[in-house]
Amino acid sequence: MSESVENQNAFKHAFNHALLQDIANLIAQHYPAFNVDAFLKKAEKLDKLEMKARVQTIRDALAAELPQDYPAALGVVVSVLKENKLRGFAVWPFAEFIQVYGLDQPEISLEALKVVTVCFTAEWAVRPFIKQDPDATMRFLLKCAQDESVDLRRWASEGTRPRVPWGEKLHLFIKDPAGTRAILDALKFDPELYVRKSVANHLNDITKDHPDYVIQLLQSWQQQAKQSGSEEVKKVAWITRHSLRTLIKNGHPDALALIGVQHGADVALDAFSIRQKAIALGGNLEFKVSLRSTSDAPQNIVVDYVLHFMKANGSTAPKVFKLRAFELPAGGSVTIEKKHAVKKITTRQYYSGVQQIEIQVNGKVLGGDEWALDL
């Protein structure tokens, strides 16, 4: 089957002639000299391009037909966006326009990105400005972290994440995460979960390079929260669990301790079974786990399962999935059943052959078995 048929609903197709027509109509209302025909002619090239290339093509078409004086062009862009008739990914080409063509005029460009992030997101577009002038840009974003707008507060965290999805890495903060500390400190008690979720994702990024830094930071936040009140304690507890999710899956003892879980709990794996060990792509790997406490005290338990997927060279690579977190009474038992969908996804290439599954409790593998995938 051809790629065009297989991906006929791919998101790239949102960047099409109809979107260019909408953009052209809106711009022409604010800039009558806008050459609509020349702009729309660019749509003829879009069908052969993937998503990012489509966005970049529209970006460059905007640059060609908007005023050649950047401040004047930016004024048109901001006027269009403030009408609030373009939302979501339709705004992406405008963000690209600012980050590419406005890098030499950061003051007005960053102010324009505030408008962009309310309509869409500017977490990718702000990165070239951070790389060019980290001190000035971080001062600007710290002010955004204290803004009344929830979108600007989230942007301050999301835009400075070391490894945000789809965005270029900020190697400055991968090397030294302290550069974003002031922003995260300002947002740790934010009233909006939307913002705190970004803080947690930001910290999860940092754990991949500096786990001890994140653990020490969260310990200090927990102490501050205790002095501030119960609501702050709840907020930091949520951030802690979500920001440490990668370390928790990897069984990091200090990360587990921070959420009140002992590494390597006193638990026995009484039974583990796989319903069907030969699975076709598109089917379900169904399994059952029976655990029993060997302790005379209640225990906080985090149960994960680890799938070791076959690679092209015949070796396997582990991927940890959350199963359940709960309190297990002294001497208590629990049985957990799970269906894991073995389906085609864009981030994984499957290979036929013997795969493995393991059951992990509080970071310690207690047992497992093999299963086979048939493509």
Protein backbone atom coordinates (compact mmCIF):
# COMPACT_ATOMS: atom_id res chain seq x y z
CA MET A 1 0.00 0.00 0.00
CA SER A 2 1.40 3.43 -0.89
CA GLU A 3 2.40 5.93 1.74
CA SER A 4 -0.20 8.45 0.59
CA VAL A 5 -2.99 5.92 1.11
CA GLU A 6 -1.62 4.68 4.44
CA ASN A 7 -1.27 8.21 5.81
CA GLN A 8 -4.27 9.91 4.28
CA ASN A 9 -5.35 11.10 7.74
CA ALA A 10 -1.84 12.14 8.79
CA PHE A 11 -1.71 15.45 10.61
CA LYS A 12 0.50 16.98 7.93
CA HIS A 13 -2.56 17.29 5.71
CA ALA A 14 -3.90 20.04 7.99
CA PHE A 15 -1.31 22.30 6.35
CA ASN A 16 -3.07 22.52 3.01
CA HIS A 17 -4.55 24.93 0.45
CA ALA A 18 -7.58 25.62 2.64
CA LEU A 19 -5.38 26.76 5.53
CA LEU A 20 -3.35 29.00 3.24
CA GLN A 21 -6.58 30.53 1.94
CA ASP A 22 -7.73 31.26 5.50
CA ILE A 23 -4.36 32.78 6.38
CA ALA A 24 -4.31 34.89 3.20
CA ASN A 25 -7.82 36.22 3.79
CA LEU A 26 -7.00 37.25 7.34
CA ILE A 27 -3.71 38.90 6.41
CA ALA A 28 -5.29 40.82 3.51
CA GLN A 29 -7.70 42.48 5.93
CA HIS A 30 -4.76 44.00 7.79
CA TYR A 31 -2.34 44.35 4.88
CA PRO A 32 -4.20 44.97 1.60
CA ALA A 33 -0.97 44.83 -0.42
CA PHE A 34 -0.58 41.14 0.48
CA ASN A 35 -0.20 39.14 -2.75
CA VAL A 36 -2.79 36.45 -2.14
CA ASP A 37 -2.24 34.69 -5.49
CA ALA A 38 1.51 34.41 -5.00
CA PHE A 39 1.02 33.14 -1.47
CA LEU A 40 -1.54 30.52 -2.54
CA LYS A 41 0.72 29.34 -5.32
CA LYS A 42 2.97 27.94 -2.61
CA ALA A 43 0.23 25.42 -1.84
CA GLU A 44 1.10 23.56 -5.02
CA LYS A 45 4.30 22.36 -3.34
CA LEU A 46 2.75 21.20 -0.08
CA ASP A 47 1.39 17.82 -1.19
CA LYS A 48 4.86 16.37 -1.65
CA LEU A 49 6.16 17.56 1.72
CA GLU A 50 6.08 16.18 5.25
CA MET A 51 4.63 18.22 8.10
CA LYS A 52 7.65 20.25 9.25
CA ALA A 53 8.60 21.04 5.66
CA ARG A 54 5.04 22.25 5.02
CA VAL A 55 5.23 24.56 8.02
CA GLN A 56 8.56 25.93 6.83
CA THR A 57 7.24 26.45 3.30
CA ILE A 58 4.30 28.48 4.62
CA ARG A 59 6.70 30.39 6.89
CA ASP A 60 8.87 31.40 3.95
CA ALA A 61 5.81 32.29 1.86
CA LEU A 62 4.73 34.64 4.64
CA ALA A 63 8.18 36.24 4.66
CA ALA A 64 8.03 36.74 0.89
CA GLU A 65 4.62 38.45 0.82
CA LEU A 66 4.51 40.36 4.12
CA PRO A 67 6.24 43.76 4.37
CA GLN A 68 10.00 43.37 4.03
CA ASP A 69 10.45 45.62 7.06
CA TYR A 70 10.35 43.09 9.89
CA PRO A 71 8.65 45.28 12.53
CA ALA A 72 5.92 46.12 10.02
CA ALA A 73 5.50 42.45 9.07
CA LEU A 74 5.38 41.47 12.74
CA GLY A 75 2.69 44.06 13.34
CA VAL A 76 0.53 42.40 10.70
CA VAL A 77 1.16 38.97 12.21
CA VAL A 78 0.22 40.10 15.71
CA SER A 79 -2.93 41.83 14.44
CA VAL A 80 -4.01 38.64 12.68
CA LEU A 81 -3.38 36.47 15.73
CA LYS A 82 -5.19 38.84 18.07
CA GLU A 83 -8.37 38.30 16.04
CA ASN A 84 -8.31 34.81 17.54
CA LYS A 85 -9.58 33.23 14.32
CA LEU A 86 -6.52 31.03 13.95
CA ARG A 87 -5.89 28.58 16.75
CA GLY A 88 -3.77 25.53 17.44
CA PHE A 89 -1.39 24.20 14.83
CA ALA A 90 -2.64 26.69 12.23
CA VAL A 91 -0.52 29.25 14.14
CA TRP A 92 2.69 27.23 13.87
CA PRO A 93 3.92 28.91 10.63
CA PHE A 94 3.65 32.30 12.35
CA ALA A 95 5.74 31.05 15.27
CA GLU A 96 8.31 29.78 12.77
CA PHE A 97 8.30 33.14 11.01
CA ILE A 98 9.15 34.94 14.24
CA GLN A 99 11.89 32.54 15.37
CA VAL A 100 13.65 32.60 11.98
CA TYR A 101 13.14 36.14 10.73
CA GLY A 102 12.94 37.95 14.06
CA LEU A 103 16.03 36.65 15.80
CA ASP A 104 17.91 39.92 15.24
CA GLN A 105 15.14 41.90 16.96
CA PRO A 106 14.49 39.86 20.10
CA GLU A 107 12.62 42.48 22.12
CA ILE A 108 9.66 42.80 19.76
CA SER A 109 9.87 39.15 18.72
CA LEU A 110 9.58 37.83 22.26
CA GLU A 111 6.63 40.12 22.92
CA ALA A 112 4.98 38.72 19.79
CA LEU A 113 5.64 35.16 20.96
CA LYS A 114 3.53 35.97 24.03
CA VAL A 115 0.60 36.37 21.64
CA VAL A 116 1.56 33.17 19.82
CA THR A 117 1.68 31.07 22.97
CA VAL A 118 -1.86 32.10 23.92
CA CYS A 119 -3.13 30.95 20.51
CA PHE A 120 -0.92 27.89 20.17
CA THR A 121 2.48 27.45 21.85
CA ALA A 122 5.83 29.16 21.55
CA GLU A 123 7.84 26.52 23.40
CA TRP A 124 9.77 25.65 20.21
CA ALA A 125 10.01 29.18 18.82
CA VAL A 126 11.64 30.68 21.93
CA ARG A 127 14.60 28.29 21.84
CA PRO A 128 16.69 30.11 19.23
CA PHE A 129 16.38 33.25 21.38
CA ILE A 130 17.57 31.35 24.46
CA LYS A 131 20.54 29.97 22.56
CA GLN A 132 21.42 33.43 21.17
CA ASP A 133 21.12 35.36 24.43
CA PRO A 134 20.31 33.11 27.38
CA ASP A 135 20.60 35.76 30.08
CA ALA A 136 18.23 38.30 28.51
CA THR A 137 15.75 35.68 27.33
CA MET A 138 15.64 33.94 30.71
CA ARG A 139 15.00 37.28 32.44
CA PHE A 140 12.10 37.82 30.05
CA LEU A 141 10.70 34.32 30.68
CA LEU A 142 11.05 34.70 34.45
CA LYS A 143 8.71 37.69 34.20
CA CYS A 144 6.34 35.51 32.19
CA ALA A 145 6.45 32.94 35.00
CA GLN A 146 4.97 35.62 37.26
CA ASP A 147 2.31 36.76 34.78
CA GLU A 148 -1.45 36.54 35.37
CA SER A 149 -1.83 34.53 32.15
CA VAL A 150 -1.72 30.78 32.71
CA ASP A 151 -0.47 30.35 29.14
CA LEU A 152 2.53 32.60 29.72
CA ARG A 153 3.36 30.92 33.02
CA ARG A 154 3.29 27.50 31.37
CA TRP A 155 5.37 28.83 28.46
CA ALA A 156 8.10 29.93 30.87
CA SER A 157 8.54 26.33 31.99
CA GLU A 158 7.80 24.51 28.74
CA GLY A 159 9.96 26.81 26.63
CA THR A 160 13.00 26.20 28.81
CA ARG A 161 12.68 22.41 29.11
CA PRO A 162 16.02 20.85 28.16
CA ARG A 163 14.43 18.16 25.96
CA VAL A 164 10.91 19.27 24.97
CA PRO A 165 9.30 16.98 22.34
CA TRP A 166 9.56 18.29 18.77
CA GLY A 167 11.85 21.11 19.89
CA GLU A 168 15.60 21.48 19.65
CA LYS A 169 17.53 20.49 22.74
CA LEU A 170 18.83 23.22 25.01
CA HIS A 171 22.32 21.87 25.61
CA LEU A 172 23.07 24.78 27.94
CA PHE A 173 20.52 23.43 30.42
CA ILE A 174 21.30 19.78 29.72
CA LYS A 175 24.83 20.56 30.92
CA ASP A 176 23.75 22.74 33.85
CA PRO A 177 20.07 22.65 34.89
CA ALA A 178 20.52 25.44 37.43
CA GLY A 179 19.75 27.96 34.70
CA THR A 180 16.03 27.21 34.88
CA ARG A 181 15.82 26.98 38.68
CA ALA A 182 14.36 30.47 39.21
CA ILE A 183 11.49 29.78 36.80
CA LEU A 184 10.67 26.41 38.35
CA ASP A 185 10.83 27.89 41.85
CA ALA A 186 8.33 30.55 40.80
CA LEU A 187 5.90 27.94 39.47
CA LYS A 188 6.09 25.08 42.00
CA PHE A 189 2.95 26.21 43.87
CA ASP A 190 1.10 27.45 40.79
CA PRO A 191 -2.69 27.20 41.21
CA GLU A 192 -3.14 25.65 37.74
CA LEU A 193 -2.42 21.97 37.13
CA TYR A 194 -1.72 22.91 33.50
CA VAL A 195 1.35 24.79 34.72
CA ARG A 196 2.42 22.28 37.35
CA LYS A 197 2.27 19.50 34.77
CA SER A 198 4.81 21.44 32.69
CA VAL A 199 7.02 21.83 35.77
CA ALA A 200 6.87 18.07 36.32
CA ASN A 201 7.73 17.35 32.68
CA HIS A 202 10.57 19.86 32.89
CA LEU A 203 12.01 18.11 35.93
CA ASN A 204 11.56 14.71 34.29
CA ASP A 205 13.72 16.00 31.43
CA ILE A 206 16.42 16.96 33.91
CA THR A 207 16.36 13.54 35.63
CA LYS A 208 17.80 12.00 32.47
CA ASP A 209 21.07 13.86 33.06
CA HIS A 210 21.01 15.07 36.67
CA PRO A 211 18.81 12.82 38.84
CA ASP A 212 20.41 13.88 42.12
CA TYR A 213 19.81 17.56 41.31
CA VAL A 214 16.07 16.93 40.85
CA ILE A 215 15.79 14.83 44.00
CA GLN A 216 17.51 17.51 46.09
CA LEU A 217 15.33 20.23 44.55
CA LEU A 218 12.13 18.29 45.28
CA GLN A 219 13.29 17.63 48.84
CA SER A 220 13.68 21.38 49.38
CA TRP A 221 10.25 22.02 47.85
CA GLN A 222 8.67 19.45 50.14
CA GLN A 223 10.14 21.24 53.14
CA GLN A 224 8.89 24.61 51.90
CA ALA A 225 5.45 23.15 51.21
CA LYS A 226 5.15 21.85 54.78
CA GLN A 227 5.69 25.40 56.03
CA SER A 228 3.15 26.84 53.56
CA GLY A 229 0.10 24.65 54.09
CA SER A 230 -1.67 21.46 53.08
CA GLU A 231 -2.60 22.63 49.57
CA GLU A 232 1.03 23.33 48.76
CA VAL A 233 1.99 19.91 50.14
CA LYS A 234 -0.50 18.30 47.74
CA LYS A 235 0.80 20.32 44.79
CA VAL A 236 4.42 19.39 45.41
CA ALA A 237 3.47 15.75 46.03
CA TRP A 238 1.82 15.64 42.60
CA ILE A 239 4.82 17.28 40.93
CA THR A 240 7.17 14.88 42.75
CA ARG A 241 5.41 11.72 41.59
CA HIS A 242 5.10 12.86 37.98
CA SER A 243 8.55 14.38 37.66
CA LEU A 244 10.23 11.25 39.01
CA ARG A 245 8.24 8.83 36.84
CA THR A 246 11.26 7.79 34.77
CA LEU A 247 13.46 7.28 37.83
CA ILE A 248 10.66 5.39 39.58
CA LYS A 249 10.25 3.06 36.61
CA ASN A 250 14.01 2.50 36.69
CA GLY A 251 13.87 1.62 40.37
CA HIS A 252 15.98 4.56 41.57
CA PRO A 253 16.11 4.11 45.38
CA ASP A 254 16.16 7.82 46.28
CA ALA A 255 13.31 8.59 43.89
CA LEU A 256 11.23 5.79 45.38
CA ALA A 257 12.02 7.05 48.88
CA LEU A 258 10.82 10.52 47.97
CA ILE A 259 7.33 9.16 47.23
CA GLY A 260 7.34 7.03 50.38
CA VAL A 261 8.26 3.73 48.74
CA GLN A 262 11.02 1.39 49.91
CA HIS A 263 13.27 -0.03 47.20
CA GLY A 264 12.88 -3.80 47.05
CA ALA A 265 9.73 -4.33 49.15
CA ASP A 266 9.08 -7.43 51.24
CA VAL A 267 6.84 -9.00 48.62
CA ALA A 268 6.72 -12.45 47.06
CA LEU A 269 5.56 -13.24 43.54
CA ASP A 270 3.21 -16.16 44.16
CA ALA A 271 2.08 -16.59 40.57
CA PHE A 272 2.61 -15.10 37.14
CA SER A 273 0.92 -16.32 33.99
CA ILE A 274 0.49 -15.26 30.37
CA ARG A 275 -2.83 -16.19 28.81
CA GLN A 276 -1.49 -16.64 25.28
CA LYS A 277 2.24 -16.68 24.63
CA ALA A 278 2.03 -16.35 20.83
CA ILE A 279 0.71 -12.91 19.86
CA ALA A 280 0.03 -11.44 16.44
CA LEU A 281 0.58 -7.72 15.83
CA GLY A 282 -2.68 -6.01 16.74
CA GLY A 283 -3.46 -8.50 19.51
CA ASN A 284 -3.18 -8.29 23.29
CA LEU A 285 -0.56 -9.62 25.65
CA GLU A 286 -2.72 -10.66 28.61
CA PHE A 287 -1.13 -11.59 31.92
CA LYS A 288 -1.97 -12.10 35.60
CA VAL A 289 0.21 -11.33 38.62
CA SER A 290 -0.33 -12.53 42.20
CA LEU A 291 1.70 -10.81 44.92
CA ARG A 292 1.89 -11.48 48.66
CA SER A 293 3.33 -9.35 51.42
CA THR A 294 5.95 -11.04 53.61
CA SER A 295 6.08 -8.06 55.96
CA ASP A 296 4.30 -7.55 59.28
CA ALA A 297 3.65 -3.90 58.38
CA PRO A 298 1.79 -2.14 55.54
CA GLN A 299 3.92 -1.22 52.52
CA ASN A 300 3.60 1.30 49.70
CA ILE A 301 3.95 -0.68 46.50
CA VAL A 302 4.73 0.37 42.95
CA VAL A 303 4.25 -2.43 40.43
CA ASP A 304 5.58 -2.09 36.88
CA TYR A 305 6.02 -4.51 34.03
CA VAL A 306 9.02 -4.49 31.73
CA LEU A 307 8.68 -5.57 28.12
CA HIS A 308 11.91 -6.55 26.40
CA PHE A 309 11.21 -6.02 22.70
CA MET A 310 13.20 -7.74 19.99
CA LYS A 311 15.55 -5.51 18.00
CA ALA A 312 16.78 -5.88 14.42
CA ASN A 313 20.07 -7.41 15.58
CA GLY A 314 18.34 -10.10 17.64
CA SER A 315 18.97 -8.53 21.04
CA THR A 316 16.19 -7.03 23.16
CA ALA A 317 15.56 -3.56 24.58
CA PRO A 318 13.51 -2.96 27.76
CA LYS A 319 10.55 -0.61 28.06
CA VAL A 320 8.96 -0.08 31.47
CA PHE A 321 5.20 0.39 31.84
CA LYS A 322 3.25 1.37 34.95
CA LEU A 323 0.90 -1.27 36.32
CA ARG A 324 -0.36 -0.14 39.74
CA ALA A 325 0.62 1.81 42.85
CA PHE A 326 -1.11 1.02 46.14
CA GLU A 327 -0.71 0.19 49.82
CA LEU A 328 -0.36 -3.52 50.53
CA PRO A 329 -1.49 -4.53 54.06
CA ALA A 330 0.72 -6.64 56.31
CA GLY A 331 0.53 -10.21 55.08
CA GLY A 332 -1.93 -9.14 52.39
CA SER A 333 -2.24 -10.46 48.85
CA VAL A 334 -3.29 -8.93 45.56
CA THR A 335 -3.95 -10.21 42.05
CA ILE A 336 -3.57 -7.88 39.08
CA GLU A 337 -4.66 -8.59 35.52
CA LYS A 338 -3.53 -6.60 32.51
CA LYS A 339 -4.08 -6.46 28.76
CA HIS A 340 -1.23 -4.79 26.87
CA ALA A 341 -2.12 -3.90 23.30
CA VAL A 342 0.63 -4.95 20.89
CA LYS A 343 -0.26 -2.52 18.13
CA LYS A 344 1.57 -0.54 15.51
CA ILE A 345 2.82 2.83 16.78
CA THR A 346 5.08 5.40 15.17
CA THR A 347 7.70 5.27 17.93
CA ARG A 348 8.38 1.52 17.82
CA GLN A 349 9.50 -0.95 15.18
CA TYR A 350 8.47 -4.51 15.98
CA TYR A 351 10.35 -7.66 15.01
CA SER A 352 9.12 -11.24 15.03
CA GLY A 353 10.55 -13.62 17.57
CA VAL A 354 10.83 -14.29 21.27
CA GLN A 355 10.25 -11.29 23.53
CA GLN A 356 10.31 -11.11 27.34
CA ILE A 357 8.16 -9.68 30.12
CA GLU A 358 9.24 -9.06 33.72
CA ILE A 359 7.33 -7.97 36.82
CA GLN A 360 9.03 -5.26 38.84
CA VAL A 361 8.01 -4.29 42.38
CA ASN A 362 9.53 -1.18 43.95
CA GLY A 363 12.33 -1.25 41.42
CA LYS A 364 13.19 -4.92 41.87
CA VAL A 365 12.42 -7.59 39.28
CA LEU A 366 10.62 -10.54 40.88
CA GLY A 367 10.04 -12.76 37.86
CA GLY A 368 8.94 -13.00 34.28
CA ASP A 369 8.43 -15.16 31.23
CA GLU A 370 8.86 -15.26 27.45
CA TRP A 371 6.29 -14.59 24.76
CA ALA A 372 6.45 -14.61 20.98
CA LEU A 373 5.42 -11.97 18.47
CA ASP A 374 4.34 -13.01 14.99
CA LEU A 375 4.29 -10.33 12.30
